[in-house]
PDB file of all heavy atoms in Angstrom:
ATOM      1  N   THR A   1      -2.779  18.833  13.378  1.00  0.00           N
ATOM      2  CA  THR A   1      -3.123  18.020  14.552  1.00  0.00           C
ATOM      3  C   THR A   1      -2.883  16.539  14.278  1.00  0.00           C
ATOM      4  O   THR A   1      -3.599  15.688  14.788  1.00  0.00           O
ATOM      5  CB  THR A   1      -4.602  18.218  14.942  1.00  0.00           C
ATOM      6  OG1 THR A   1      -5.436  17.863  13.819  1.00  0.00           O
ATOM      7  CG2 THR A   1      -4.904  19.636  15.376  1.00  0.00           C
ATOM      8  N   ARG A   2      -1.854  16.205  13.505  1.00  0.00           N
ATOM      9  CA  ARG A   2      -1.699  14.817  13.060  1.00  0.00           C
ATOM     10  C   ARG A   2      -0.547  14.051  13.699  1.00  0.00           C
ATOM     11  O   ARG A   2      -0.695  12.885  14.071  1.00  0.00           O
ATOM     12  CB  ARG A   2      -1.498  14.803  11.537  1.00  0.00           C
ATOM     13  CG  ARG A   2      -1.560  13.424  10.911  1.00  0.00           C
ATOM     14  CD  ARG A   2      -1.168  13.452   9.447  1.00  0.00           C
ATOM     15  NE  ARG A   2       0.249  13.762   9.260  1.00  0.00           N
ATOM     16  CZ  ARG A   2       0.856  13.850   8.080  1.00  0.00           C
ATOM     17  NH1 ARG A   2       0.154  13.690   6.974  1.00  0.00           N
ATOM     18  NH2 ARG A   2       2.140  14.130   8.005  1.00  0.00           N
ATOM     19  N   ASP A   3       0.612  14.691  13.849  1.00  0.00           N
ATOM     20  CA  ASP A   3       1.829  13.924  14.119  1.00  0.00           C
ATOM     21  C   ASP A   3       2.419  14.059  15.518  1.00  0.00           C
ATOM     22  O   ASP A   3       3.345  13.328  15.856  1.00  0.00           O
ATOM     23  CB  ASP A   3       2.922  14.327  13.111  1.00  0.00           C
ATOM     24  CG  ASP A   3       2.557  13.953  11.685  1.00  0.00           C
ATOM     25  OD1 ASP A   3       1.833  12.960  11.490  1.00  0.00           O
ATOM     26  OD2 ASP A   3       3.005  14.662  10.764  1.00  0.00           O
ATOM     27  N   ASN A   4       1.922  14.976  16.340  1.00  0.00           N
ATOM     28  CA  ASN A   4       2.593  15.224  17.615  1.00  0.00           C
ATOM     29  C   ASN A   4       2.618  14.027  18.559  1.00  0.00           C
ATOM     30  O   ASN A   4       3.473  13.930  19.423  1.00  0.00           O
ATOM     31  CB  ASN A   4       1.961  16.430  18.338  1.00  0.00           C
ATOM     32  CG  ASN A   4       2.685  17.720  17.997  1.00  0.00           C
ATOM     33  OD1 ASN A   4       3.476  17.772  17.054  1.00  0.00           O
ATOM     34  ND2 ASN A   4       2.417  18.763  18.760  1.00  0.00           N
ATOM     35  N   LYS A   5       1.676  13.111  18.384  1.00  0.00           N
ATOM     36  CA  LYS A   5       1.656  11.927  19.255  1.00  0.00           C
ATOM     37  C   LYS A   5       2.459  10.763  18.683  1.00  0.00           C
ATOM     38  O   LYS A   5       2.588   9.713  19.315  1.00  0.00           O
ATOM     39  CB  LYS A   5       0.207  11.488  19.501  1.00  0.00           C
ATOM     40  CG  LYS A   5      -0.603  12.488  20.323  1.00  0.00           C
ATOM     41  CD  LYS A   5      -2.017  11.986  20.559  1.00  0.00           C
ATOM     42  CE  LYS A   5      -2.833  12.995  21.365  1.00  0.00           C
ATOM     43  NZ  LYS A   5      -4.236  12.520  21.586  1.00  0.00           N
ATOM     44  N   ALA A   6       3.024  10.957  17.501  1.00  0.00           N
ATOM     45  CA  ALA A   6       3.832   9.901  16.877  1.00  0.00           C
ATOM     46  C   ALA A   6       5.148   9.729  17.635  1.00  0.00           C
ATOM     47  O   ALA A   6       5.773  10.699  18.060  1.00  0.00           O
ATOM     48  CB  ALA A   6       4.108  10.238  15.422  1.00  0.00           C
ATOM     49  N   LYS A   7       5.587   8.506  17.789  1.00  0.00           N
ATOM     50  CA  LYS A   7       6.837   8.228  18.494  1.00  0.00           C
ATOM     51  C   LYS A   7       8.038   8.507  17.585  1.00  0.00           C
ATOM     52  O   LYS A   7       8.006   8.230  16.399  1.00  0.00           O
ATOM     53  CB  LYS A   7       6.869   6.770  18.949  1.00  0.00           C
ATOM     54  CG  LYS A   7       5.853   6.420  20.021  1.00  0.00           C
ATOM     55  CD  LYS A   7       5.995   4.965  20.438  1.00  0.00           C
ATOM     56  CE  LYS A   7       4.987   4.599  21.530  1.00  0.00           C
ATOM     57  NZ  LYS A   7       5.120   3.176  21.925  1.00  0.00           N
ATOM     58  N   TYR A   8       9.060   9.049  18.190  1.00  0.00           N
ATOM     59  CA  TYR A   8      10.302   9.285  17.454  1.00  0.00           C
ATOM     60  C   TYR A   8      10.799   8.011  16.778  1.00  0.00           C
ATOM     61  O   TYR A   8      11.262   8.039  15.630  1.00  0.00           O
ATOM     62  CB  TYR A   8      11.382   9.814  18.402  1.00  0.00           C
ATOM     63  CG  TYR A   8      11.450  11.319  18.502  1.00  0.00           C
ATOM     64  CD1 TYR A   8      10.440  12.054  19.124  1.00  0.00           C
ATOM     65  CD2 TYR A   8      12.525  12.018  17.979  1.00  0.00           C
ATOM     66  CE1 TYR A   8      10.509  13.428  19.229  1.00  0.00           C
ATOM     67  CE2 TYR A   8      12.612  13.398  18.071  1.00  0.00           C
ATOM     68  CZ  TYR A   8      11.596  14.100  18.699  1.00  0.00           C
ATOM     69  OH  TYR A   8      11.669  15.468  18.775  1.00  0.00           O
ATOM     70  N   VAL A   9      10.726   6.901  17.486  1.00  0.00           N
ATOM     71  CA  VAL A   9      11.221   5.626  16.941  1.00  0.00           C
ATOM     72  C   VAL A   9      10.471   5.264  15.667  1.00  0.00           C
ATOM     73  O   VAL A   9      11.077   4.872  14.660  1.00  0.00           O
ATOM     74  CB  VAL A   9      11.098   4.502  17.982  1.00  0.00           C
ATOM     75  CG1 VAL A   9      11.431   3.151  17.348  1.00  0.00           C
ATOM     76  CG2 VAL A   9      12.012   4.769  19.171  1.00  0.00           C
ATOM     77  N   ASP A  10       9.146   5.402  15.685  1.00  0.00           N
ATOM     78  CA  ASP A  10       8.346   5.044  14.511  1.00  0.00           C
ATOM     79  C   ASP A  10       8.665   5.941  13.319  1.00  0.00           C
ATOM     80  O   ASP A  10       8.768   5.472  12.177  1.00  0.00           O
ATOM     81  CB  ASP A  10       6.853   5.135  14.846  1.00  0.00           C
ATOM     82  CG  ASP A  10       6.386   4.017  15.762  1.00  0.00           C
ATOM     83  OD1 ASP A  10       7.058   2.968  15.806  1.00  0.00           O
ATOM     84  OD2 ASP A  10       5.349   4.191  16.430  1.00  0.00           O
ATOM     85  N   VAL A  11       8.805   7.243  13.569  1.00  0.00           N
ATOM     86  CA  VAL A  11       9.109   8.178  12.485  1.00  0.00           C
ATOM     87  C   VAL A  11      10.508   7.900  11.925  1.00  0.00           C
ATOM     88  O   VAL A  11      10.728   7.932  10.706  1.00  0.00           O
ATOM     89  CB  VAL A  11       8.986   9.629  12.970  1.00  0.00           C
ATOM     90  CG1 VAL A  11       9.427  10.601  11.871  1.00  0.00           C
ATOM     91  CG2 VAL A  11       7.548   9.932  13.391  1.00  0.00           C
ATOM     92  N   ALA A  12      11.452   7.610  12.803  1.00  0.00           N
ATOM     93  CA  ALA A  12      12.814   7.311  12.364  1.00  0.00           C
ATOM     94  C   ALA A  12      12.852   6.076  11.468  1.00  0.00           C
ATOM     95  O   ALA A  12      13.547   6.052  10.446  1.00  0.00           O
ATOM     96  CB  ALA A  12      13.723   7.114  13.576  1.00  0.00           C
ATOM     97  N   LEU A  13      12.104   5.055  11.829  1.00  0.00           N
ATOM     98  CA  LEU A  13      12.054   3.846  11.006  1.00  0.00           C
ATOM     99  C   LEU A  13      11.355   4.114   9.677  1.00  0.00           C
ATOM    100  O   LEU A  13      11.746   3.574   8.640  1.00  0.00           O
ATOM    101  CB  LEU A  13      11.330   2.727  11.759  1.00  0.00           C
ATOM    102  CG  LEU A  13      12.083   2.122  12.950  1.00  0.00           C
ATOM    103  CD1 LEU A  13      11.172   1.187  13.734  1.00  0.00           C
ATOM    104  CD2 LEU A  13      13.336   1.375  12.496  1.00  0.00           C
ATOM    105  N   ALA A  14      10.347   4.976   9.699  1.00  0.00           N
ATOM    106  CA  ALA A  14       9.588   5.272   8.478  1.00  0.00           C
ATOM    107  C   ALA A  14      10.412   6.049   7.463  1.00  0.00           C
ATOM    108  O   ALA A  14      10.320   5.810   6.258  1.00  0.00           O
ATOM    109  CB  ALA A  14       8.322   6.051   8.827  1.00  0.00           C
ATOM    110  N   THR A  15      11.214   6.983   7.927  1.00  0.00           N
ATOM    111  CA  THR A  15      11.991   7.799   6.988  1.00  0.00           C
ATOM    112  C   THR A  15      13.219   7.074   6.462  1.00  0.00           C
ATOM    113  O   THR A  15      13.798   7.468   5.455  1.00  0.00           O
ATOM    114  CB  THR A  15      12.424   9.131   7.635  1.00  0.00           C
ATOM    115  OG1 THR A  15      12.972   9.990   6.629  1.00  0.00           O
ATOM    116  CG2 THR A  15      13.463   8.935   8.723  1.00  0.00           C
ATOM    117  N   SER A  16      13.635   5.975   7.127  1.00  0.00           N
ATOM    118  CA  SER A  16      14.893   5.314   6.764  1.00  0.00           C
ATOM    119  C   SER A  16      14.719   3.900   6.217  1.00  0.00           C
ATOM    120  O   SER A  16      15.699   3.168   6.082  1.00  0.00           O
ATOM    121  CB  SER A  16      15.826   5.272   7.985  1.00  0.00           C
ATOM    122  OG  SER A  16      15.221   4.569   9.064  1.00  0.00           O
ATOM    123  N   ALA A  17      13.493   3.515   5.873  1.00  0.00           N
ATOM    124  CA  ALA A  17      13.227   2.158   5.375  1.00  0.00           C
ATOM    125  C   ALA A  17      13.585   2.060   3.892  1.00  0.00           C
ATOM    126  O   ALA A  17      12.709   2.012   3.017  1.00  0.00           O
ATOM    127  CB  ALA A  17      11.763   1.797   5.612  1.00  0.00           C
ATOM    128  N   ALA A  18      14.878   2.043   3.600  1.00  0.00           N
ATOM    129  CA  ALA A  18      15.363   2.047   2.216  1.00  0.00           C
ATOM    130  C   ALA A  18      14.962   0.763   1.495  1.00  0.00           C
ATOM    131  O   ALA A  18      15.279  -0.335   1.969  1.00  0.00           O
ATOM    132  CB  ALA A  18      16.882   2.200   2.197  1.00  0.00           C
ATOM    133  N   PRO A  19      14.268   0.871   0.352  1.00  0.00           N
ATOM    134  CA  PRO A  19      13.825  -0.320  -0.377  1.00  0.00           C
ATOM    135  C   PRO A  19      14.991  -1.252  -0.713  1.00  0.00           C
ATOM    136  O   PRO A  19      16.052  -0.802  -1.166  1.00  0.00           O
ATOM    137  CB  PRO A  19      13.208   0.270  -1.656  1.00  0.00           C
ATOM    138  CG  PRO A  19      12.763   1.635  -1.256  1.00  0.00           C
ATOM    139  CD  PRO A  19      13.799   2.115  -0.283  1.00  0.00           C
ATOM    140  N   THR A  20      14.780  -2.523  -0.483  1.00  0.00           N
ATOM    141  CA  THR A  20      15.703  -3.651  -0.668  1.00  0.00           C
ATOM    142  C   THR A  20      16.791  -3.704   0.405  1.00  0.00           C
ATOM    143  O   THR A  20      17.475  -4.710   0.538  1.00  0.00           O
ATOM    144  CB  THR A  20      16.372  -3.692  -2.064  1.00  0.00           C
ATOM    145  OG1 THR A  20      17.417  -2.733  -2.159  1.00  0.00           O
ATOM    146  CG2 THR A  20      15.346  -3.490  -3.177  1.00  0.00           C
ATOM    147  N   TYR A  21      16.968  -2.621   1.190  1.00  0.00           N
ATOM    148  CA  TYR A  21      17.953  -2.632   2.269  1.00  0.00           C
ATOM    149  C   TYR A  21      17.313  -2.978   3.606  1.00  0.00           C
ATOM    150  O   TYR A  21      17.842  -3.781   4.369  1.00  0.00           O
ATOM    151  CB  TYR A  21      18.636  -1.268   2.382  1.00  0.00           C
ATOM    152  CG  TYR A  21      19.610  -0.966   1.275  1.00  0.00           C
ATOM    153  CD1 TYR A  21      19.196  -0.326   0.114  1.00  0.00           C
ATOM    154  CD2 TYR A  21      20.950  -1.314   1.393  1.00  0.00           C
ATOM    155  CE1 TYR A  21      20.094  -0.041  -0.913  1.00  0.00           C
ATOM    156  CE2 TYR A  21      21.858  -1.032   0.369  1.00  0.00           C
ATOM    157  CZ  TYR A  21      21.416  -0.401  -0.778  1.00  0.00           C
ATOM    158  OH  TYR A  21      22.306  -0.124  -1.788  1.00  0.00           O
ATOM    159  N   LEU A  22      16.184  -2.322   3.903  1.00  0.00           N
ATOM    160  CA  LEU A  22      15.492  -2.505   5.179  1.00  0.00           C
ATOM    161  C   LEU A  22      14.003  -2.742   4.916  1.00  0.00           C
ATOM    162  O   LEU A  22      13.469  -2.307   3.895  1.00  0.00           O
ATOM    163  CB  LEU A  22      15.674  -1.265   6.066  1.00  0.00           C
ATOM    164  CG  LEU A  22      17.088  -1.025   6.608  1.00  0.00           C
ATOM    165  CD1 LEU A  22      17.206   0.372   7.199  1.00  0.00           C
ATOM    166  CD2 LEU A  22      17.458  -2.071   7.657  1.00  0.00           C
ATOM    167  N   PRO A  23      13.315  -3.412   5.843  1.00  0.00           N
ATOM    168  CA  PRO A  23      11.888  -3.709   5.645  1.00  0.00           C
ATOM    169  C   PRO A  23      11.029  -2.458   5.624  1.00  0.00           C
ATOM    170  O   PRO A  23      11.416  -1.396   6.121  1.00  0.00           O
ATOM    171  CB  PRO A  23      11.541  -4.578   6.870  1.00  0.00           C
ATOM    172  CG  PRO A  23      12.837  -5.071   7.393  1.00  0.00           C
ATOM    173  CD  PRO A  23      13.851  -4.020   7.075  1.00  0.00           C
ATOM    174  N   LEU A  24       9.846  -2.586   5.047  1.00  0.00           N
ATOM    175  CA  LEU A  24       8.836  -1.539   5.157  1.00  0.00           C
ATOM    176  C   LEU A  24       8.582  -1.234   6.631  1.00  0.00           C
ATOM    177  O   LEU A  24       8.604  -2.126   7.477  1.00  0.00           O
ATOM    178  CB  LEU A  24       7.521  -2.003   4.532  1.00  0.00           C
ATOM    179  CG  LEU A  24       7.432  -2.141   3.011  1.00  0.00           C
ATOM    180  CD1 LEU A  24       6.217  -2.974   2.647  1.00  0.00           C
ATOM    181  CD2 LEU A  24       7.327  -0.775   2.378  1.00  0.00           C
ATOM    182  N   SER A  25       8.338   0.038   6.915  1.00  0.00           N
ATOM    183  CA  SER A  25       7.950   0.434   8.262  1.00  0.00           C
ATOM    184  C   SER A  25       6.422   0.447   8.351  1.00  0.00           C
ATOM    185  O   SER A  25       5.748   0.880   7.415  1.00  0.00           O
ATOM    186  CB  SER A  25       8.499   1.821   8.572  1.00  0.00           C
ATOM    187  OG  SER A  25       7.964   2.321   9.771  1.00  0.00           O
ATOM    188  N   GLU A  26       5.888  -0.020   9.455  1.00  0.00           N
ATOM    189  CA  GLU A  26       4.435  -0.069   9.655  1.00  0.00           C
ATOM    190  C   GLU A  26       4.109   0.600  10.981  1.00  0.00           C
ATOM    191  O   GLU A  26       4.679   0.245  12.014  1.00  0.00           O
ATOM    192  CB  GLU A  26       3.973  -1.530   9.661  1.00  0.00           C
ATOM    193  CG  GLU A  26       2.471  -1.718   9.688  1.00  0.00           C
ATOM    194  CD  GLU A  26       2.104  -3.195   9.548  1.00  0.00           C
ATOM    195  OE1 GLU A  26       2.072  -3.893  10.586  1.00  0.00           O
ATOM    196  OE2 GLU A  26       1.876  -3.640   8.414  1.00  0.00           O
ATOM    197  N   ILE A  27       3.196   1.586  10.970  1.00  0.00           N
ATOM    198  CA  ILE A  27       2.912   2.366  12.176  1.00  0.00           C
ATOM    199  C   ILE A  27       1.449   2.190  12.582  1.00  0.00           C
ATOM    200  O   ILE A  27       0.534   2.569  11.838  1.00  0.00           O
ATOM    201  CB  ILE A  27       3.233   3.856  11.966  1.00  0.00           C
ATOM    202  CG1 ILE A  27       4.689   4.031  11.496  1.00  0.00           C
ATOM    203  CG2 ILE A  27       2.996   4.623  13.257  1.00  0.00           C
ATOM    204  CD1 ILE A  27       5.097   5.475  11.282  1.00  0.00           C
ATOM    205  N   GLU A  28       1.242   1.652  13.759  1.00  0.00           N
ATOM    206  CA  GLU A  28      -0.109   1.401  14.272  1.00  0.00           C
ATOM    207  C   GLU A  28      -0.919   2.684  14.374  1.00  0.00           C
ATOM    208  O   GLU A  28      -2.105   2.720  14.042  1.00  0.00           O
ATOM    209  CB  GLU A  28      -0.015   0.736  15.644  1.00  0.00           C
ATOM    210  CG  GLU A  28      -1.351   0.438  16.282  1.00  0.00           C
ATOM    211  CD  GLU A  28      -1.220  -0.190  17.654  1.00  0.00           C
ATOM    212  OE1 GLU A  28      -0.078  -0.434  18.099  1.00  0.00           O
ATOM    213  OE2 GLU A  28      -2.268  -0.437  18.297  1.00  0.00           O
ATOM    214  N   MET A  29      -0.266   3.784  14.819  1.00  0.00           N
ATOM    215  CA  MET A  29      -0.967   5.047  15.034  1.00  0.00           C
ATOM    216  C   MET A  29      -1.637   5.553  13.757  1.00  0.00           C
ATOM    217  O   MET A  29      -2.660   6.242  13.821  1.00  0.00           O
ATOM    218  CB  MET A  29       0.020   6.086  15.566  1.00  0.00           C
ATOM    219  CG  MET A  29      -0.569   7.477  15.732  1.00  0.00           C
ATOM    220  SD  MET A  29       0.654   8.661  16.315  1.00  0.00           S
ATOM    221  CE  MET A  29      -0.106  10.186  15.756  1.00  0.00           C
TER     222      MET A  29
END
């Protein structure tokens, strides 16, 4: 019961935040 309300955009940024290439992803939810 954890992730179904998460936005696709937020998850996409979280999985692709490559260190030194892109910033850390931060999710309000």
